[in-house]
Amino acid sequence: MKNEARLFKSLADETRLKIFWLLMLKEELCVCDIMGVLGITQSKASRHLRYLYHLGWVTDRREGVWMNYSLSVAPDSPEDKQLKLLADILSSSPEAQALKDRLEQWLAGKGQNKEGSAAACQCS
């Protein structure tokens, strides 16, 4: 039950829950995408992403000076099933839908679409 406790503890913070939701919507996001959509500072975004990284929930990939993050959950694992249930619950939340809309607007402003990704982060 340690893995379940770690998941629920990581979700107990609203910012981390929002980050999980954003990463469930898009395969990979730059830290600047998370900052822009959530309206948080780079240090706050990085702190929460590091927390999730150390728990094994996200992986990171450096691209120049930017860090890109994605969920690191094995398909069909118990963790994957838990996140799918969470996504199902959040999908009916007006606040989660608003975050999804903000993410789509943010990515469209960067020249990305919902399914695609840019070759490199265009953040400044």
N, C-alpha and C. Protein backbone atom coordinates (compact mmCIF):
# COMPACT_ATOMS: atom_id res chain seq x y z
N MET A 1 0.80 -1.21 0.00
CA MET A 1 0.00 0.00 0.00
C MET A 1 0.84 1.27 0.00
N LYS A 2 2.15 1.11 0.03
CA LYS A 2 3.01 2.29 0.04
C LYS A 2 2.85 3.11 -1.24
N ASN A 3 2.75 2.44 -2.39
CA ASN A 3 2.60 3.18 -3.65
C ASN A 3 1.31 3.98 -3.67
N GLU A 4 0.22 3.39 -3.17
CA GLU A 4 -1.05 4.11 -3.14
C GLU A 4 -0.98 5.31 -2.20
N ALA A 5 -0.34 5.12 -1.06
CA ALA A 5 -0.20 6.23 -0.11
C ALA A 5 0.63 7.36 -0.73
N ARG A 6 1.69 6.99 -1.46
CA ARG A 6 2.51 8.02 -2.13
C ARG A 6 1.71 8.78 -3.18
N LEU A 7 0.89 8.05 -3.94
CA LEU A 7 0.07 8.71 -4.95
C LEU A 7 -0.89 9.69 -4.30
N PHE A 8 -1.61 9.23 -3.29
CA PHE A 8 -2.60 10.11 -2.67
C PHE A 8 -1.95 11.28 -1.94
N LYS A 9 -0.78 11.05 -1.38
CA LYS A 9 -0.07 12.15 -0.74
C LYS A 9 0.36 13.18 -1.79
N SER A 10 0.83 12.71 -2.93
CA SER A 10 1.25 13.65 -3.98
C SER A 10 0.06 14.40 -4.55
N LEU A 11 -1.11 13.79 -4.57
CA LEU A 11 -2.32 14.44 -5.09
C LEU A 11 -2.97 15.36 -4.07
N ALA A 12 -2.52 15.31 -2.82
CA ALA A 12 -3.13 16.12 -1.78
C ALA A 12 -2.85 17.60 -1.96
N ASP A 13 -1.88 17.95 -2.78
CA ASP A 13 -1.56 19.34 -3.06
C ASP A 13 -2.26 19.74 -4.36
N GLU A 14 -3.00 20.85 -4.34
CA GLU A 14 -3.79 21.27 -5.49
C GLU A 14 -2.92 21.56 -6.72
N THR A 15 -1.76 22.16 -6.52
CA THR A 15 -0.88 22.45 -7.65
C THR A 15 -0.40 21.16 -8.29
N ARG A 16 0.00 20.18 -7.49
CA ARG A 16 0.45 18.91 -8.05
C ARG A 16 -0.69 18.18 -8.75
N LEU A 17 -1.90 18.27 -8.21
CA LEU A 17 -3.06 17.67 -8.87
C LEU A 17 -3.27 18.31 -10.24
N LYS A 18 -3.14 19.61 -10.31
CA LYS A 18 -3.27 20.31 -11.60
C LYS A 18 -2.17 19.90 -12.57
N ILE A 19 -0.96 19.74 -12.07
CA ILE A 19 0.15 19.30 -12.92
C ILE A 19 -0.12 17.90 -13.46
N PHE A 20 -0.58 17.00 -12.59
CA PHE A 20 -0.97 15.66 -13.04
C PHE A 20 -1.99 15.76 -14.18
N TRP A 21 -3.01 16.58 -13.99
CA TRP A 21 -4.07 16.73 -14.98
C TRP A 21 -3.49 17.22 -16.32
N LEU A 22 -2.64 18.23 -16.26
CA LEU A 22 -2.04 18.75 -17.49
C LEU A 22 -1.21 17.68 -18.20
N LEU A 23 -0.46 16.90 -17.43
CA LEU A 23 0.37 15.86 -18.04
C LEU A 23 -0.47 14.69 -18.54
N MET A 24 -1.66 14.50 -17.99
CA MET A 24 -2.56 13.48 -18.52
C MET A 24 -3.15 13.93 -19.86
N LEU A 25 -3.28 15.24 -20.04
CA LEU A 25 -3.86 15.78 -21.27
C LEU A 25 -2.86 15.81 -22.42
N LYS A 26 -1.59 15.96 -22.10
CA LYS A 26 -0.55 16.13 -23.12
C LYS A 26 0.61 15.22 -22.76
N GLU A 27 1.13 14.52 -23.71
CA GLU A 27 2.17 13.52 -23.44
C GLU A 27 3.39 14.12 -22.77
N GLU A 28 3.79 15.31 -23.20
CA GLU A 28 4.97 15.96 -22.62
C GLU A 28 4.75 17.47 -22.61
N LEU A 29 5.16 18.10 -21.52
CA LEU A 29 5.06 19.55 -21.40
C LEU A 29 6.37 20.12 -20.89
N CYS A 30 6.70 21.28 -21.41
CA CYS A 30 7.84 22.05 -20.92
C CYS A 30 7.43 22.69 -19.60
N VAL A 31 8.38 22.91 -18.74
CA VAL A 31 8.08 23.56 -17.47
C VAL A 31 7.43 24.92 -17.71
N CYS A 32 7.80 25.60 -18.80
CA CYS A 32 7.20 26.90 -19.09
C CYS A 32 5.73 26.77 -19.45
N ASP A 33 5.33 25.63 -20.04
CA ASP A 33 3.92 25.40 -20.33
C ASP A 33 3.12 25.30 -19.03
N ILE A 34 3.66 24.57 -18.09
CA ILE A 34 3.00 24.41 -16.80
C ILE A 34 2.91 25.76 -16.09
N MET A 35 4.01 26.52 -16.13
CA MET A 35 4.01 27.85 -15.52
C MET A 35 2.94 28.74 -16.15
N GLY A 36 2.90 28.74 -17.47
CA GLY A 36 1.99 29.62 -18.19
C GLY A 36 0.53 29.27 -17.96
N VAL A 37 0.21 28.01 -17.97
CA VAL A 37 -1.18 27.58 -17.80
C VAL A 37 -1.64 27.79 -16.36
N LEU A 38 -0.79 27.45 -15.41
CA LEU A 38 -1.17 27.56 -14.00
C LEU A 38 -0.93 28.94 -13.41
N GLY A 39 -0.14 29.77 -14.11
CA GLY A 39 0.15 31.10 -13.59
C GLY A 39 1.01 31.06 -12.33
N ILE A 40 2.00 30.16 -12.34
CA ILE A 40 2.89 30.03 -11.18
C ILE A 40 4.32 30.34 -11.61
N THR A 41 5.17 30.55 -10.63
CA THR A 41 6.57 30.87 -10.91
C THR A 41 7.33 29.61 -11.32
N GLN A 42 8.50 29.83 -11.92
CA GLN A 42 9.34 28.72 -12.33
C GLN A 42 9.78 27.91 -11.11
N SER A 43 10.11 28.58 -10.03
CA SER A 43 10.58 27.86 -8.85
C SER A 43 9.47 26.99 -8.25
N LYS A 44 8.24 27.49 -8.24
CA LYS A 44 7.13 26.69 -7.70
C LYS A 44 6.85 25.49 -8.60
N ALA A 45 6.83 25.71 -9.92
CA ALA A 45 6.60 24.60 -10.85
C ALA A 45 7.70 23.56 -10.71
N SER A 46 8.94 24.00 -10.68
CA SER A 46 10.06 23.08 -10.59
C SER A 46 10.05 22.31 -9.27
N ARG A 47 9.70 22.97 -8.19
CA ARG A 47 9.64 22.30 -6.88
C ARG A 47 8.62 21.16 -6.89
N HIS A 48 7.43 21.43 -7.42
CA HIS A 48 6.40 20.39 -7.47
C HIS A 48 6.76 19.28 -8.45
N LEU A 49 7.36 19.64 -9.58
CA LEU A 49 7.77 18.63 -10.55
C LEU A 49 8.90 17.76 -9.98
N ARG A 50 9.83 18.35 -9.24
CA ARG A 50 10.90 17.58 -8.60
C ARG A 50 10.32 16.61 -7.59
N TYR A 51 9.33 17.05 -6.83
CA TYR A 51 8.66 16.19 -5.86
C TYR A 51 8.08 14.97 -6.58
N LEU A 52 7.36 15.20 -7.68
CA LEU A 52 6.76 14.11 -8.45
C LEU A 52 7.82 13.24 -9.10
N TYR A 53 8.92 13.85 -9.52
CA TYR A 53 10.02 13.11 -10.11
C TYR A 53 10.63 12.14 -9.09
N HIS A 54 10.88 12.62 -7.89
CA HIS A 54 11.50 11.78 -6.87
C HIS A 54 10.58 10.64 -6.42
N LEU A 55 9.28 10.82 -6.58
CA LEU A 55 8.34 9.73 -6.28
C LEU A 55 8.21 8.76 -7.45
N GLY A 56 8.77 9.12 -8.59
CA GLY A 56 8.71 8.25 -9.75
C GLY A 56 7.49 8.43 -10.62
N TRP A 57 6.73 9.50 -10.42
CA TRP A 57 5.51 9.73 -11.20
C TRP A 57 5.77 10.43 -12.52
N VAL A 58 6.85 11.20 -12.61
CA VAL A 58 7.17 11.89 -13.85
C VAL A 58 8.64 11.64 -14.21
N THR A 59 8.92 11.78 -15.49
CA THR A 59 10.30 11.76 -15.97
C THR A 59 10.58 13.11 -16.59
N ASP A 60 11.85 13.42 -16.71
CA ASP A 60 12.21 14.69 -17.31
C ASP A 60 13.17 14.47 -18.47
N ARG A 61 13.19 15.45 -19.34
CA ARG A 61 14.07 15.41 -20.50
C ARG A 61 14.53 16.84 -20.77
N ARG A 62 15.83 17.02 -20.80
CA ARG A 62 16.38 18.36 -21.04
C ARG A 62 16.43 18.63 -22.54
N GLU A 63 16.00 19.85 -22.90
CA GLU A 63 16.10 20.32 -24.27
C GLU A 63 16.66 21.74 -24.20
N GLY A 64 17.97 21.87 -24.39
CA GLY A 64 18.62 23.16 -24.21
C GLY A 64 18.56 23.55 -22.75
N VAL A 65 18.02 24.74 -22.48
CA VAL A 65 17.90 25.19 -21.09
C VAL A 65 16.57 24.80 -20.47
N TRP A 66 15.67 24.20 -21.26
CA TRP A 66 14.34 23.87 -20.78
C TRP A 66 14.22 22.40 -20.40
N MET A 67 13.38 22.15 -19.41
CA MET A 67 13.09 20.78 -18.99
C MET A 67 11.68 20.44 -19.44
N ASN A 68 11.55 19.26 -20.03
CA ASN A 68 10.25 18.75 -20.45
C ASN A 68 9.89 17.60 -19.52
N TYR A 69 8.62 17.52 -19.17
CA TYR A 69 8.15 16.50 -18.23
C TYR A 69 7.03 15.68 -18.84
N SER A 70 7.00 14.41 -18.45
CA SER A 70 5.93 13.52 -18.86
C SER A 70 5.66 12.54 -17.72
N LEU A 71 4.47 11.96 -17.74
CA LEU A 71 4.15 10.94 -16.74
C LEU A 71 4.98 9.70 -17.01
N SER A 72 5.39 9.03 -15.98
CA SER A 72 6.20 7.81 -16.14
C SER A 72 5.50 6.63 -15.47
N VAL A 73 4.35 6.31 -16.02
CA VAL A 73 3.56 5.22 -15.48
C VAL A 73 3.46 4.13 -16.53
N ALA A 74 3.76 2.91 -16.16
CA ALA A 74 3.70 1.80 -17.09
C ALA A 74 2.26 1.52 -17.50
N PRO A 75 2.03 1.30 -18.79
CA PRO A 75 0.67 0.98 -19.25
C PRO A 75 0.12 -0.25 -18.54
N ASP A 76 -1.15 -0.18 -18.20
CA ASP A 76 -1.88 -1.27 -17.54
C ASP A 76 -1.38 -1.62 -16.14
N SER A 77 -0.52 -0.78 -15.58
CA SER A 77 -0.07 -0.99 -14.20
C SER A 77 -1.16 -0.49 -13.25
N PRO A 78 -1.09 -0.87 -11.98
CA PRO A 78 -2.06 -0.34 -11.01
C PRO A 78 -2.04 1.19 -10.98
N GLU A 79 -0.85 1.78 -11.12
CA GLU A 79 -0.74 3.24 -11.12
C GLU A 79 -1.45 3.83 -12.34
N ASP A 80 -1.32 3.18 -13.49
CA ASP A 80 -1.99 3.63 -14.70
C ASP A 80 -3.50 3.59 -14.51
N LYS A 81 -3.99 2.54 -13.90
CA LYS A 81 -5.43 2.42 -13.65
C LYS A 81 -5.91 3.50 -12.69
N GLN A 82 -5.10 3.81 -11.69
CA GLN A 82 -5.46 4.87 -10.75
C GLN A 82 -5.52 6.22 -11.45
N LEU A 83 -4.55 6.49 -12.31
CA LEU A 83 -4.53 7.77 -13.02
C LEU A 83 -5.67 7.87 -14.03
N LYS A 84 -6.04 6.75 -14.65
CA LYS A 84 -7.19 6.76 -15.56
C LYS A 84 -8.47 7.05 -14.81
N LEU A 85 -8.61 6.49 -13.62
CA LEU A 85 -9.77 6.79 -12.79
C LEU A 85 -9.77 8.26 -12.40
N LEU A 86 -8.63 8.78 -12.02
CA LEU A 86 -8.51 10.19 -11.68
C LEU A 86 -8.88 11.06 -12.88
N ALA A 87 -8.40 10.72 -14.06
CA ALA A 87 -8.72 11.48 -15.27
C ALA A 87 -10.22 11.45 -15.54
N ASP A 88 -10.85 10.30 -15.31
CA ASP A 88 -12.29 10.19 -15.51
C ASP A 88 -13.04 11.10 -14.54
N ILE A 89 -12.59 11.14 -13.31
CA ILE A 89 -13.22 12.00 -12.29
C ILE A 89 -13.01 13.48 -12.65
N LEU A 90 -11.79 13.84 -13.01
CA LEU A 90 -11.48 15.24 -13.30
C LEU A 90 -12.15 15.73 -14.58
N SER A 91 -12.38 14.83 -15.53
CA SER A 91 -12.94 15.27 -16.81
C SER A 91 -14.32 15.89 -16.67
N SER A 92 -15.02 15.60 -15.58
CA SER A 92 -16.34 16.20 -15.37
C SER A 92 -16.28 17.45 -14.49
N SER A 93 -15.09 17.84 -14.07
CA SER A 93 -14.92 19.01 -13.22
C SER A 93 -14.82 20.28 -14.07
N PRO A 94 -15.64 21.29 -13.76
CA PRO A 94 -15.54 22.55 -14.51
C PRO A 94 -14.15 23.19 -14.42
N GLU A 95 -13.51 23.11 -13.26
CA GLU A 95 -12.17 23.69 -13.10
C GLU A 95 -11.16 22.94 -13.95
N ALA A 96 -11.27 21.61 -14.01
CA ALA A 96 -10.36 20.82 -14.84
C ALA A 96 -10.59 21.13 -16.32
N GLN A 97 -11.85 21.31 -16.71
CA GLN A 97 -12.14 21.66 -18.09
C GLN A 97 -11.56 23.04 -18.44
N ALA A 98 -11.63 23.97 -17.49
CA ALA A 98 -11.06 25.29 -17.70
C ALA A 98 -9.54 25.20 -17.88
N LEU A 99 -8.88 24.33 -17.10
CA LEU A 99 -7.44 24.12 -17.26
C LEU A 99 -7.12 23.53 -18.62
N LYS A 100 -7.95 22.58 -19.06
CA LYS A 100 -7.77 21.98 -20.38
C LYS A 100 -7.87 23.05 -21.46
N ASP A 101 -8.87 23.92 -21.34
CA ASP A 101 -9.04 25.01 -22.31
C ASP A 101 -7.84 25.96 -22.30
N ARG A 102 -7.35 26.29 -21.08
CA ARG A 102 -6.18 27.18 -20.98
C ARG A 102 -4.95 26.54 -21.60
N LEU A 103 -4.80 25.22 -21.39
CA LEU A 103 -3.66 24.51 -21.98
C LEU A 103 -3.74 24.57 -23.50
N GLU A 104 -4.92 24.32 -24.05
CA GLU A 104 -5.08 24.35 -25.51
C GLU A 104 -4.79 25.75 -26.05
N GLN A 105 -5.26 26.77 -25.36
CA GLN A 105 -4.99 28.15 -25.79
C GLN A 105 -3.49 28.46 -25.70
N TRP A 106 -2.87 28.05 -24.63
CA TRP A 106 -1.45 28.29 -24.43
C TRP A 106 -0.64 27.63 -25.55
N LEU A 107 -0.93 26.36 -25.82
CA LEU A 107 -0.19 25.63 -26.85
C LEU A 107 -0.46 26.20 -28.23
N ALA A 108 -1.70 26.63 -28.48
CA ALA A 108 -2.02 27.24 -29.77
C ALA A 108 -1.23 28.53 -29.95
N GLY A 109 -1.04 29.27 -28.88
CA GLY A 109 -0.25 30.50 -28.93
C GLY A 109 1.22 30.23 -29.20
N LYS A 110 1.68 29.04 -28.88
CA LYS A 110 3.07 28.66 -29.14
C LYS A 110 3.23 27.97 -30.49
N GLY A 111 2.12 27.78 -31.21
CA GLY A 111 2.20 27.10 -32.50
C GLY A 111 2.10 25.60 -32.40
N GLN A 112 1.52 25.09 -31.30
CA GLN A 112 1.31 23.66 -31.14
C GLN A 112 -0.18 23.39 -31.20
N ASN A 113 -0.55 22.19 -31.58
CA ASN A 113 -1.95 21.80 -31.49
C ASN A 113 -2.12 20.79 -30.37
N LYS A 114 -3.35 20.32 -30.19
CA LYS A 114 -3.64 19.42 -29.08
C LYS A 114 -2.83 18.13 -29.14
N GLU A 115 -2.65 17.59 -30.34
CA GLU A 115 -1.98 16.30 -30.47
C GLU A 115 -0.49 16.43 -30.73
N GLY A 116 -0.07 17.50 -31.39
CA GLY A 116 1.32 17.64 -31.82
C GLY A 116 2.17 18.32 -30.79
N SER A 117 3.42 18.40 -31.12
CA SER A 117 4.34 19.12 -30.24
C SER A 117 5.34 19.87 -31.11
N ALA A 118 5.82 20.95 -30.59
CA ALA A 118 6.81 21.74 -31.32
C ALA A 118 8.15 21.04 -31.26
N ALA A 119 9.02 21.34 -32.21
CA ALA A 119 10.34 20.73 -32.24
C ALA A 119 11.16 21.16 -31.03
N ALA A 120 10.96 22.36 -30.59
CA ALA A 120 11.69 22.87 -29.44
C ALA A 120 10.80 23.86 -28.70
N CYS A 121 11.04 24.05 -27.44
CA CYS A 121 10.24 24.99 -26.67
C CYS A 121 10.45 26.40 -27.21
N GLN A 122 9.37 27.11 -27.37
CA GLN A 122 9.42 28.46 -27.91
C GLN A 122 9.32 29.51 -26.80
N CYS A 123 9.44 29.09 -25.57
CA CYS A 123 9.32 30.02 -24.44
C CYS A 123 10.54 30.92 -24.37
N SER A 124 10.32 32.07 -23.81
CA SER A 124 11.45 32.99 -23.66
C SER A 124 11.73 33.22 -22.19
